[in-house]
Amino acid sequence: MTPPATVEWQRLDPRMLLVLPIRELVRFLPALIALLVAGTTSGGAPWQLLGVLVPVALGVLRYLTTRYRIGAGRIELRRGLLSRKITSTPLDRVRTVDLTASLTHRVLGLTTLRIGTGLAASADGDALDLDGLPVQRARALRAELLHAAPVTGDDADGSGGPGGSGGPDDPPRAASYDVQTVVAFDPRWLRFAPFTGTGLVVLAATLGGASQLLDSFDAWDDLGSGGVHVPSMVGIAVGLLALLVVLLVVSVLGYLVTNGGFALTRQAGAWHVRRGLLTTRETSIDEERLAGVAIGEPLALRLTGGRHLQAIVTGVDRSETGSSMLVPPSSATVAPAAARLLLGTAAPVDVALTTHGPAAARRRWTRALLLPLVLLAAAVVAVVAGGPWWLLLPTLVVLAGAAVVAADRVAGLGHALVDGHLVSRSGSLVRRREVLDVDHVIGWNLRATWFQRRVGLATLAATTAGGGGSVGLLDVPEDAAARLADAAIPGLVSQFATGGSPGV
């Protein structure tokens, strides 16, 4: 291994001199507009010119003061002139490698390489970004970091623009391995766009924006005072239909921009996920870092026959969805099929789960119906006291909805231990089936609230270095939780149990 003192610092690609000044100009745009207005009124043209030169100079300085090097088992990034910052991380801590290419990067044949680690010598997160590498150089570096061969093909990097062959300083390419395509984008997936989290956010934002627009014209006040002609039922229906069409189009376009060109491939010990229509992103996950998978089944997506798949990767938490999303919202059979290949076995995906018993079911019903019953009782009192009878209607609707959710939560609660994998499923509105390899379990947490102890239940959490830090089994009978933990990792829990091993 080359000693760090003898490894030369390298600069990013010179083509970043076209990108960084423009990026700085965009950041300073409000100040530049203010200078333009002030210069127009005072005739101060030099100040306007200075306002443009400053961000351009900052962009050039950012390029000149940014360097990186790889050696002695570490990768280091040095930035800054007056306040210098060096980010350093061991190569064996690399968990994921992302290649992201914006539209500007794609035109110039560049890409940004982001290294996701579980440890970084910086205070700004656990990712190290090399923003502005030639595509071929980034692919070769990704292969080196993940101990895999470079991905072949013009689209593997997601650049799609000129310059994809890299520069003259690019290292020679290694022999490629066969690429196995596991999942590819299907246009039929677009029907799930309105039922994803993003689609629901777009719906809420559009309705809120329309309400604010009407409020700005005092439409609500005029309507209440009779100053505006109330449209007929046909007019209302046409307006709602037009709004629905707009929402559908926006959500479908958003899904397409984010997931267009999606492909999940496997090559030489790593999984590669590519997606994005304008800004492309390719994430590479070392197979050894893959601790498990999570099949997402949100209620809206489940009712329309869809699911999505995320990876549980050591060193990458659940908030980094960009680095853990393996299959976007798609047909119900796609995510489980991909999960079987990722896990190397079908049993954790197909196994019938063990229920948690009547006590756990009662907790689901009690927690779901308590507040609606209180609201219903308050509405009954109000009606008896002389209030309008229709006060009962919304509370009855809420009660019925809570009962449906409670029944669905009971049906979705379960666990299993099969083929060396711990399986946990829970939730209704946001249901997840998490599968964790027991070899990645680093400990067990057994927690019980006062209410759980009263009915003999506990929450068992298998701690791991990936995902959200643990995979939890909610409201498991205490004796079953102890047996499950001891069966997964024999001897780890039994040595602390009173009276010896809890048995299997």
Protein backbone atom coordinates (compact mmCIF):
# COMPACT_ATOMS: atom_id res chain seq x y z
CA MET A 1 0.00 0.00 0.00
CA THR A 2 1.36 3.42 -0.93
CA PRO A 3 2.26 5.55 2.13
CA PRO A 4 0.03 8.63 2.45
CA ALA A 5 2.97 11.06 2.37
CA THR A 6 3.97 9.89 -1.12
CA VAL A 7 0.47 10.01 -2.63
CA GLU A 8 -0.07 13.14 -4.67
CA TRP A 9 -3.17 15.28 -4.26
CA GLN A 10 -5.37 15.31 -7.35
CA ARG A 11 -7.67 18.02 -8.63
CA LEU A 12 -11.18 17.55 -9.93
CA ASP A 13 -11.80 17.71 -13.66
CA PRO A 14 -11.01 21.14 -15.22
CA ARG A 15 -14.48 21.18 -16.76
CA MET A 16 -15.75 22.07 -13.27
CA LEU A 17 -14.46 25.58 -14.00
CA LEU A 18 -17.59 25.91 -16.14
CA VAL A 19 -19.88 24.53 -13.45
CA LEU A 20 -18.71 26.07 -10.17
CA PRO A 21 -18.87 29.76 -11.23
CA ILE A 22 -22.40 29.26 -12.56
CA ARG A 23 -23.38 27.53 -9.32
CA GLU A 24 -22.02 30.45 -7.30
CA LEU A 25 -23.86 32.94 -9.51
CA VAL A 26 -27.12 31.13 -8.76
CA ARG A 27 -26.40 31.25 -5.02
CA PHE A 28 -25.72 34.99 -5.18
CA LEU A 29 -28.67 35.70 -7.47
CA PRO A 30 -30.77 37.64 -4.88
CA ALA A 31 -27.80 39.88 -4.05
CA LEU A 32 -27.04 40.38 -7.75
CA ILE A 33 -30.63 41.42 -8.43
CA ALA A 34 -30.42 43.93 -5.58
CA LEU A 35 -27.16 45.34 -6.99
CA LEU A 36 -28.70 45.54 -10.44
CA VAL A 37 -31.65 47.55 -9.11
CA ALA A 38 -29.37 49.83 -7.07
CA GLY A 39 -27.00 50.31 -10.00
CA THR A 40 -29.83 51.19 -12.36
CA THR A 41 -31.09 53.95 -10.07
CA SER A 42 -27.62 55.35 -9.28
CA GLY A 43 -25.82 54.66 -12.53
CA GLY A 44 -23.21 52.54 -10.79
CA ALA A 45 -22.30 50.06 -13.54
CA PRO A 46 -18.94 49.06 -11.93
CA TRP A 47 -20.75 47.79 -8.86
CA GLN A 48 -22.88 45.56 -11.02
CA LEU A 49 -19.78 44.19 -12.73
CA LEU A 50 -18.12 43.59 -9.36
CA GLY A 51 -21.21 41.76 -8.18
CA VAL A 52 -20.82 39.31 -11.05
CA LEU A 53 -17.05 38.91 -10.71
CA VAL A 54 -17.17 38.01 -7.00
CA PRO A 55 -19.20 34.76 -7.32
CA VAL A 56 -17.24 33.80 -10.45
CA ALA A 57 -13.98 34.25 -8.54
CA LEU A 58 -15.36 32.21 -5.63
CA GLY A 59 -16.22 29.39 -8.01
CA VAL A 60 -12.72 29.39 -9.47
CA LEU A 61 -11.17 29.43 -5.98
CA ARG A 62 -13.41 26.55 -4.93
CA TYR A 63 -12.01 24.48 -7.80
CA LEU A 64 -8.38 25.46 -7.15
CA THR A 65 -8.58 24.69 -3.42
CA THR A 66 -10.37 21.32 -3.71
CA ARG A 67 -8.19 18.22 -4.00
CA TYR A 68 -8.39 14.55 -3.11
CA ARG A 69 -6.12 11.54 -2.81
CA ILE A 70 -6.41 7.82 -2.20
CA GLY A 71 -3.67 5.87 -0.47
CA ALA A 72 -2.69 3.86 2.60
CA GLY A 73 -6.23 2.50 2.86
CA ARG A 74 -7.83 5.94 3.13
CA ILE A 75 -9.55 8.48 0.91
CA GLU A 76 -9.10 12.15 1.76
CA LEU A 77 -10.76 15.31 0.49
CA ARG A 78 -9.19 18.73 1.14
CA ARG A 79 -11.20 21.95 0.68
CA GLY A 80 -10.92 25.62 1.55
CA LEU A 81 -8.31 28.40 1.37
CA LEU A 82 -8.55 30.47 4.56
CA SER A 83 -10.42 27.81 6.52
CA ARG A 84 -9.07 24.47 5.30
CA LYS A 85 -11.07 21.30 5.93
CA ILE A 86 -9.80 17.77 5.35
CA THR A 87 -12.35 14.94 5.30
CA SER A 88 -10.83 11.49 5.66
CA THR A 89 -12.28 8.01 5.91
CA PRO A 90 -10.90 4.45 5.75
CA LEU A 91 -11.64 2.54 2.57
CA ASP A 92 -12.94 -0.43 4.53
CA ARG A 93 -15.70 1.78 5.91
CA VAL A 94 -17.24 2.39 2.48
CA ARG A 95 -20.85 1.24 2.49
CA THR A 96 -22.36 2.72 -0.66
CA VAL A 97 -21.08 4.65 -3.66
CA ASP A 98 -23.45 6.97 -5.53
CA LEU A 99 -22.87 8.49 -8.97
CA THR A 100 -25.09 11.54 -9.47
CA ALA A 101 -25.11 13.56 -12.69
CA SER A 102 -27.16 16.72 -13.02
CA LEU A 103 -28.15 17.98 -16.44
CA THR A 104 -25.10 20.27 -16.55
CA HIS A 105 -22.81 17.43 -15.50
CA ARG A 106 -24.28 15.16 -18.17
CA VAL A 107 -23.66 17.71 -20.92
CA LEU A 108 -20.01 18.04 -19.83
CA GLY A 109 -19.51 14.30 -19.31
CA LEU A 110 -18.99 14.63 -15.56
CA THR A 111 -20.53 13.04 -12.50
CA THR A 112 -20.47 13.46 -8.72
CA LEU A 113 -19.19 10.51 -6.71
CA ARG A 114 -20.61 10.33 -3.19
CA ILE A 115 -19.10 7.85 -0.78
CA GLY A 116 -21.43 6.76 2.02
CA THR A 117 -19.60 5.49 5.10
CA GLY A 118 -20.30 4.62 8.68
CA LEU A 119 -17.48 6.86 9.83
CA ALA A 120 -16.08 10.12 8.56
CA ALA A 121 -13.69 12.59 10.14
CA SER A 122 -16.02 15.51 9.61
CA ALA A 123 -18.85 17.19 11.39
CA ASP A 124 -21.13 17.47 8.37
CA GLY A 125 -22.32 13.92 7.97
CA ASP A 126 -20.94 10.60 6.88
CA ALA A 127 -20.74 11.23 3.13
CA LEU A 128 -17.70 12.29 1.14
CA ASP A 129 -18.40 13.97 -2.21
CA LEU A 130 -16.05 14.22 -5.19
CA ASP A 131 -18.04 16.69 -7.27
CA GLY A 132 -16.70 16.74 -10.80
CA LEU A 133 -15.00 13.55 -11.97
CA PRO A 134 -14.90 12.21 -15.53
CA VAL A 135 -17.46 9.48 -15.92
CA GLN A 136 -14.96 6.72 -16.65
CA ARG A 137 -12.73 7.78 -13.77
CA ALA A 138 -15.71 7.79 -11.39
CA ARG A 139 -16.78 4.32 -12.54
CA ALA A 140 -13.28 2.93 -12.07
CA LEU A 141 -13.00 4.54 -8.63
CA ARG A 142 -16.37 3.13 -7.64
CA ALA A 143 -15.23 -0.33 -8.67
CA GLU A 144 -12.04 0.08 -6.65
CA LEU A 145 -13.93 1.22 -3.56
CA LEU A 146 -16.44 -1.62 -3.76
CA HIS A 147 -13.89 -4.24 -4.84
CA ALA A 148 -15.89 -4.79 -8.05
CA ALA A 149 -15.29 -4.47 -11.76
CA PRO A 150 -16.44 -1.29 -13.52
CA VAL A 151 -19.92 -1.24 -14.99
CA THR A 152 -19.88 -1.38 -18.78
CA GLY A 153 -22.19 0.37 -21.21
CA ASP A 154 -22.87 3.97 -22.08
CA ASP A 155 -25.78 4.30 -19.69
CA ALA A 156 -24.20 2.70 -16.66
CA ASP A 157 -23.02 6.01 -15.31
CA GLY A 158 -26.18 7.91 -16.06
CA SER A 159 -24.35 10.67 -17.91
CA GLY A 160 -25.96 10.31 -21.31
CA GLY A 161 -23.88 13.23 -22.58
CA PRO A 162 -20.63 13.82 -24.39
CA GLY A 163 -17.34 13.15 -22.73
CA GLY A 164 -18.41 9.76 -21.42
CA SER A 165 -15.06 8.29 -22.39
CA GLY A 166 -13.34 10.38 -19.70
CA GLY A 167 -10.10 12.27 -19.95
CA PRO A 168 -6.51 11.40 -20.82
CA ASP A 169 -5.67 10.83 -17.16
CA ASP A 170 -8.29 8.08 -16.79
CA PRO A 171 -6.86 4.75 -15.56
CA PRO A 172 -7.02 1.72 -17.83
CA ARG A 173 -10.29 -0.12 -17.55
CA ALA A 174 -10.41 -3.50 -15.89
CA ALA A 175 -11.96 -6.51 -17.50
CA SER A 176 -15.73 -6.36 -17.07
CA TYR A 177 -18.00 -8.96 -15.60
CA ASP A 178 -21.43 -9.94 -16.83
CA VAL A 179 -24.19 -7.62 -15.67
CA GLN A 180 -27.38 -9.29 -14.43
CA THR A 181 -30.43 -7.07 -14.76
CA VAL A 182 -32.82 -7.85 -11.91
CA VAL A 183 -35.49 -5.18 -12.41
CA ALA A 184 -35.99 -2.57 -15.14
CA PHE A 185 -38.41 0.35 -15.39
CA ASP A 186 -41.88 -0.50 -16.58
CA PRO A 187 -44.16 2.32 -17.80
CA ARG A 188 -47.10 0.57 -16.13
CA TRP A 189 -45.62 1.62 -12.77
CA LEU A 190 -46.73 5.19 -13.48
CA ARG A 191 -50.21 4.29 -12.24
CA PHE A 192 -48.80 4.14 -8.69
CA ALA A 193 -47.46 7.71 -8.81
CA PRO A 194 -50.53 9.37 -7.20
CA PHE A 195 -50.45 6.87 -4.31
CA THR A 196 -46.85 7.36 -3.25
CA GLY A 197 -45.76 9.69 -0.46
CA THR A 198 -44.66 12.25 -3.03
CA GLY A 199 -47.99 12.06 -4.84
CA LEU A 200 -49.92 12.66 -1.63
CA VAL A 201 -47.68 15.62 -0.78
CA VAL A 202 -48.34 17.07 -4.25
CA LEU A 203 -52.07 16.63 -3.67
CA ALA A 204 -51.95 18.44 -0.33
CA ALA A 205 -49.71 21.22 -1.70
CA THR A 206 -51.97 21.78 -4.71
CA LEU A 207 -55.12 21.93 -2.60
CA GLY A 208 -53.42 24.31 -0.18
CA GLY A 209 -52.19 26.50 -3.03
CA ALA A 210 -55.65 26.64 -4.59
CA SER A 211 -57.16 27.60 -1.24
CA GLN A 212 -54.57 30.36 -0.75
CA LEU A 213 -55.23 31.66 -4.27
CA LEU A 214 -58.98 31.85 -3.64
CA ASP A 215 -58.36 33.51 -0.30
CA SER A 216 -56.14 36.18 -1.90
CA PHE A 217 -59.10 37.21 -4.09
CA ASP A 218 -61.49 37.14 -1.10
CA ALA A 219 -63.43 34.42 -2.87
CA TRP A 220 -64.43 32.71 0.37
CA ASP A 221 -65.83 35.95 1.85
CA ASP A 222 -67.69 36.79 -1.33
CA LEU A 223 -69.11 33.30 -1.52
CA GLY A 224 -70.30 33.47 2.08
CA SER A 225 -71.94 36.87 1.55
CA GLY A 226 -73.63 35.87 -1.67
CA GLY A 227 -71.50 38.24 -3.76
CA VAL A 228 -70.38 35.44 -6.04
CA HIS A 229 -72.66 33.24 -8.04
CA VAL A 230 -72.61 29.74 -6.58
CA PRO A 231 -71.82 27.29 -9.37
CA SER A 232 -74.13 24.44 -10.16
CA MET A 233 -73.34 20.87 -9.21
CA VAL A 234 -72.17 20.28 -12.76
CA GLY A 235 -69.74 23.20 -12.51
CA ILE A 236 -68.38 21.91 -9.20
CA ALA A 237 -67.95 18.42 -10.64
CA VAL A 238 -66.12 19.78 -13.71
CA GLY A 239 -63.82 21.88 -11.51
CA LEU A 240 -62.98 18.93 -9.25
CA LEU A 241 -62.36 16.73 -12.28
CA ALA A 242 -60.01 19.31 -13.80
CA LEU A 243 -58.12 19.60 -10.49
CA LEU A 244 -57.86 15.81 -10.30
CA VAL A 245 -56.41 15.63 -13.82
CA VAL A 246 -53.83 18.28 -12.95
CA LEU A 247 -52.82 16.39 -9.80
CA LEU A 248 -52.50 13.13 -11.70
CA VAL A 249 -50.33 14.73 -14.38
CA VAL A 250 -48.06 16.44 -11.84
CA SER A 251 -47.60 13.28 -9.75
CA VAL A 252 -46.91 11.14 -12.83
CA LEU A 253 -44.36 13.64 -14.13
CA GLY A 254 -42.69 13.76 -10.71
CA TYR A 255 -42.50 9.96 -10.58
CA LEU A 256 -41.10 9.84 -14.11
CA VAL A 257 -38.43 12.47 -13.44
CA THR A 258 -37.35 10.68 -10.26
CA ASN A 259 -37.52 7.05 -11.40
CA GLY A 260 -37.33 7.20 -15.20
CA GLY A 261 -34.71 4.85 -16.61
CA PHE A 262 -34.67 2.82 -13.38
CA ALA A 263 -32.61 -0.38 -13.39
CA LEU A 264 -31.47 -2.71 -10.61
CA THR A 265 -28.46 -4.75 -11.69
CA ARG A 266 -25.94 -7.07 -10.11
CA GLN A 267 -22.29 -7.27 -11.02
CA ALA A 268 -19.16 -8.64 -9.40
CA GLY A 269 -20.20 -8.56 -5.77
CA ALA A 270 -22.23 -5.37 -5.84
CA TRP A 271 -25.78 -4.22 -6.47
CA HIS A 272 -26.26 -1.18 -8.70
CA VAL A 273 -29.39 1.00 -8.76
CA ARG A 274 -29.77 3.58 -11.52
CA ARG A 275 -32.67 6.02 -11.78
CA GLY A 276 -33.52 9.56 -12.85
CA LEU A 277 -34.63 11.22 -16.05
CA LEU A 278 -32.97 14.65 -15.81
CA THR A 279 -30.63 14.26 -12.85
CA THR A 280 -29.48 10.66 -12.90
CA ARG A 281 -28.26 8.79 -9.87
CA GLU A 282 -26.56 5.43 -9.61
CA THR A 283 -26.07 3.81 -6.21
CA SER A 284 -23.76 0.86 -5.70
CA ILE A 285 -24.04 -1.34 -2.61
CA ASP A 286 -21.45 -3.92 -1.66
CA GLU A 287 -23.14 -7.30 -1.15
CA GLU A 288 -21.22 -7.79 2.08
CA ARG A 289 -22.79 -4.60 3.47
CA LEU A 290 -26.35 -5.67 2.65
CA ALA A 291 -27.83 -6.64 6.01
CA GLY A 292 -31.38 -7.16 4.79
CA VAL A 293 -34.33 -5.61 3.00
CA ALA A 294 -37.59 -3.87 3.85
CA ILE A 295 -40.68 -4.32 1.71
CA GLY A 296 -42.83 -1.21 2.05
CA GLU A 297 -46.60 -1.60 1.84
CA PRO A 298 -48.23 1.76 2.66
CA LEU A 299 -52.01 1.53 2.77
CA ALA A 300 -52.68 3.65 -0.33
CA LEU A 301 -50.07 1.73 -2.33
CA ARG A 302 -51.24 -1.63 -1.04
CA LEU A 303 -54.87 -0.96 -1.99
CA THR A 304 -53.78 -0.28 -5.56
CA GLY A 305 -51.60 -3.40 -5.77
CA GLY A 306 -48.17 -1.84 -5.30
CA ARG A 307 -45.08 -2.16 -3.11
CA HIS A 308 -41.56 -0.79 -2.92
CA LEU A 309 -38.27 -2.19 -1.67
CA GLN A 310 -35.48 -0.67 0.42
CA ALA A 311 -32.13 -2.05 1.48
CA ILE A 312 -30.92 -2.30 5.05
CA VAL A 313 -27.25 -1.43 4.59
CA THR A 314 -24.69 -1.25 7.38
CA GLY A 315 -23.57 2.33 7.87
CA VAL A 316 -26.57 3.81 5.99
CA ASP A 317 -29.61 4.84 8.04
CA ARG A 318 -33.25 4.85 6.96
CA SER A 319 -33.25 8.61 6.31
CA GLU A 320 -30.89 8.15 3.36
CA THR A 321 -33.61 6.85 1.10
CA GLY A 322 -31.65 7.78 -1.99
CA SER A 323 -28.95 5.30 -1.05
CA SER A 324 -31.28 2.55 0.18
CA MET A 325 -34.18 2.53 -2.32
CA LEU A 326 -33.83 -0.63 -4.40
CA VAL A 327 -37.21 -0.77 -6.17
CA PRO A 328 -39.55 2.24 -6.45
CA PRO A 329 -43.33 1.88 -6.06
CA SER A 330 -44.20 -0.83 -8.57
CA SER A 331 -46.39 -3.88 -9.09
CA ALA A 332 -46.93 -6.04 -6.01
CA THR A 333 -44.86 -8.95 -7.37
CA VAL A 334 -41.77 -6.92 -8.34
CA ALA A 335 -40.42 -6.00 -4.90
CA PRO A 336 -40.80 -9.52 -3.40
CA ALA A 337 -39.13 -11.08 -6.45
CA ALA A 338 -36.18 -8.71 -6.16
CA ALA A 339 -36.01 -9.35 -2.40
CA ARG A 340 -35.69 -13.10 -2.97
CA LEU A 341 -32.68 -12.54 -5.24
CA LEU A 342 -31.08 -10.03 -2.89
CA LEU A 343 -31.44 -12.33 0.12
CA GLY A 344 -30.46 -15.46 -1.76
CA THR A 345 -33.51 -17.28 -0.40
CA ALA A 346 -37.28 -17.02 -0.83
CA ALA A 347 -38.29 -18.27 2.62
CA PRO A 348 -38.11 -14.91 4.52
CA VAL A 349 -40.33 -13.29 1.87
CA ASP A 350 -42.91 -16.08 1.55
CA VAL A 351 -43.04 -17.53 5.08
CA ALA A 352 -46.31 -17.33 7.00
CA LEU A 353 -45.70 -15.11 10.02
CA THR A 354 -46.38 -16.04 13.62
CA THR A 355 -49.07 -13.84 15.19
CA HIS A 356 -48.50 -12.12 18.53
CA GLY A 357 -51.61 -13.39 20.26
CA PRO A 358 -54.86 -11.91 21.61
CA ALA A 359 -53.18 -9.51 24.05
CA ALA A 360 -51.34 -7.75 21.21
CA ALA A 361 -54.57 -7.63 19.18
CA ARG A 362 -56.44 -6.02 22.08
CA ARG A 363 -53.75 -3.33 22.35
CA ARG A 364 -54.21 -2.48 18.67
CA TRP A 365 -57.98 -2.17 19.07
CA THR A 366 -57.76 -0.19 22.31
CA ARG A 367 -55.22 2.33 21.02
CA ALA A 368 -57.15 2.82 17.77
CA LEU A 369 -60.65 3.20 19.22
CA LEU A 370 -60.01 5.09 22.47
CA LEU A 371 -59.98 8.64 21.04
CA PRO A 372 -62.83 8.07 18.50
CA LEU A 373 -65.03 6.68 21.30
CA VAL A 374 -64.32 9.74 23.44
CA LEU A 375 -65.26 12.00 20.52
CA LEU A 376 -68.42 9.99 19.91
CA ALA A 377 -69.41 10.26 23.57
CA ALA A 378 -68.85 14.03 23.44
CA ALA A 379 -71.01 14.28 20.30
CA VAL A 380 -73.81 12.24 21.93
CA VAL A 381 -73.77 14.55 24.96
CA ALA A 382 -73.91 17.59 22.66
CA VAL A 383 -76.89 16.19 20.72
CA VAL A 384 -78.77 15.27 23.93
CA ALA A 385 -78.14 18.81 25.18
CA GLY A 386 -79.91 20.19 22.13
CA GLY A 387 -77.17 20.28 19.51
CA PRO A 388 -77.72 19.35 15.84
CA TRP A 389 -77.93 15.65 15.11
CA TRP A 390 -75.36 15.79 12.30
CA LEU A 391 -72.60 16.17 14.90
CA LEU A 392 -72.75 12.38 15.18
CA LEU A 393 -71.87 11.81 11.53
CA PRO A 394 -68.17 12.84 11.53
CA THR A 395 -67.49 10.99 14.77
CA LEU A 396 -69.11 7.83 13.39
CA VAL A 397 -67.01 8.11 10.24
CA VAL A 398 -63.85 8.52 12.34
CA LEU A 399 -64.85 5.53 14.49
CA ALA A 400 -65.44 3.35 11.43
CA GLY A 401 -62.10 4.37 9.91
CA ALA A 402 -60.27 3.66 13.17
CA ALA A 403 -61.88 0.20 13.35
CA VAL A 404 -60.71 -0.60 9.81
CA VAL A 405 -57.17 0.54 10.62
CA ALA A 406 -57.15 -1.45 13.87
CA ALA A 407 -58.25 -4.64 12.10
CA ASP A 408 -55.59 -4.09 9.44
CA ARG A 409 -52.90 -3.54 12.07
CA VAL A 410 -53.85 -6.77 13.79
CA ALA A 411 -53.72 -8.64 10.49
CA GLY A 412 -50.31 -7.13 9.65
CA LEU A 413 -48.59 -7.90 12.95
CA GLY A 414 -46.26 -10.90 12.94
CA HIS A 415 -42.72 -12.27 12.93
CA ALA A 416 -40.65 -15.28 11.90
CA LEU A 417 -37.15 -16.71 12.08
CA VAL A 418 -36.27 -18.68 8.96
CA ASP A 419 -33.12 -19.49 6.98
CA GLY A 420 -30.96 -17.33 9.23
CA HIS A 421 -33.17 -14.26 8.77
CA LEU A 422 -35.33 -12.42 11.27
CA VAL A 423 -38.63 -11.26 9.75
CA SER A 424 -40.81 -8.56 11.28
CA ARG A 425 -44.00 -6.96 9.96
CA SER A 426 -46.14 -4.25 11.52
CA GLY A 427 -48.18 -1.17 10.72
CA SER A 428 -51.15 -0.33 8.54
CA LEU A 429 -50.93 3.18 7.09
CA VAL A 430 -47.17 2.62 6.72
CA ARG A 431 -46.66 -1.14 6.77
CA ARG A 432 -43.18 -2.63 6.45
CA ARG A 433 -41.95 -6.21 6.24
CA GLU A 434 -38.32 -6.08 7.41
CA VAL A 435 -35.95 -8.98 6.83
CA LEU A 436 -32.61 -8.91 8.67
CA ASP A 437 -29.77 -11.40 8.38
CA VAL A 438 -29.01 -12.62 11.92
CA ASP A 439 -25.29 -12.41 11.16
CA HIS A 440 -25.74 -8.63 11.19
CA VAL A 441 -27.45 -8.60 14.60
CA ILE A 442 -25.09 -7.03 17.15
CA GLY A 443 -27.40 -7.12 20.16
CA TRP A 444 -30.93 -7.33 21.52
CA ASN A 445 -33.07 -4.78 23.32
CA LEU A 446 -36.09 -5.97 25.27
CA ARG A 447 -38.36 -3.11 26.34
CA ALA A 448 -41.72 -3.20 28.11
CA THR A 449 -43.87 -0.28 29.17
CA TRP A 450 -46.13 -0.43 32.22
CA PHE A 451 -49.13 -1.23 30.01
CA GLN A 452 -47.19 -3.97 28.18
CA ARG A 453 -46.04 -5.56 31.42
CA ARG A 454 -49.64 -5.69 32.63
CA VAL A 455 -50.53 -8.06 29.76
CA GLY A 456 -47.19 -9.91 29.46
CA LEU A 457 -45.94 -8.25 26.28
CA ALA A 458 -42.65 -6.63 25.28
CA THR A 459 -40.97 -5.02 22.28
CA LEU A 460 -37.96 -6.95 21.02
CA ALA A 461 -35.45 -4.96 18.94
CA ALA A 462 -32.59 -6.58 17.03
CA THR A 463 -29.91 -3.89 16.89
CA THR A 464 -27.79 -3.59 13.77
CA ALA A 465 -25.45 -1.12 12.13
CA GLY A 466 -27.78 -0.62 9.18
CA GLY A 467 -31.16 0.88 8.39
CA GLY A 468 -32.78 2.60 11.35
CA GLY A 469 -30.35 0.94 13.77
CA SER A 470 -32.71 -1.87 14.72
CA VAL A 471 -35.51 -4.12 13.53
CA GLY A 472 -38.31 -4.18 16.07
CA LEU A 473 -40.95 -6.77 16.90
CA LEU A 474 -43.87 -4.99 18.54
CA ASP A 475 -45.92 -6.47 21.38
CA VAL A 476 -44.39 -9.94 21.44
CA PRO A 477 -45.22 -12.23 24.41
CA GLU A 478 -42.25 -12.00 26.76
CA ASP A 479 -41.43 -15.72 26.75
CA ALA A 480 -41.69 -15.86 22.94
CA ALA A 481 -39.34 -12.88 22.63
CA ALA A 482 -36.70 -14.57 24.78
CA ARG A 483 -36.99 -17.84 22.84
CA LEU A 484 -36.74 -16.02 19.52
CA ALA A 485 -33.62 -14.07 20.52
CA ASP A 486 -31.93 -17.22 21.84
CA ALA A 487 -32.82 -19.20 18.71
CA ALA A 488 -31.40 -16.48 16.44
CA ILE A 489 -28.09 -16.19 18.31
CA PRO A 490 -27.77 -19.15 20.70
CA GLY A 491 -26.36 -18.28 24.09
CA LEU A 492 -26.41 -14.49 23.75
CA VAL A 493 -29.64 -13.97 25.72
CA SER A 494 -29.79 -17.19 27.75
CA GLN A 495 -26.66 -16.31 29.72
CA PHE A 496 -28.54 -13.36 31.24
CA ALA A 497 -31.87 -15.16 31.77
CA THR A 498 -32.89 -16.08 35.29
CA GLY A 499 -32.86 -19.81 35.80
CA GLY A 500 -30.83 -20.66 32.69
CA SER A 501 -31.75 -20.86 29.04
CA PRO A 502 -35.28 -19.96 28.05
CA GLY A 503 -35.26 -22.75 25.55
CA VAL A 504 -36.42 -22.75 21.97
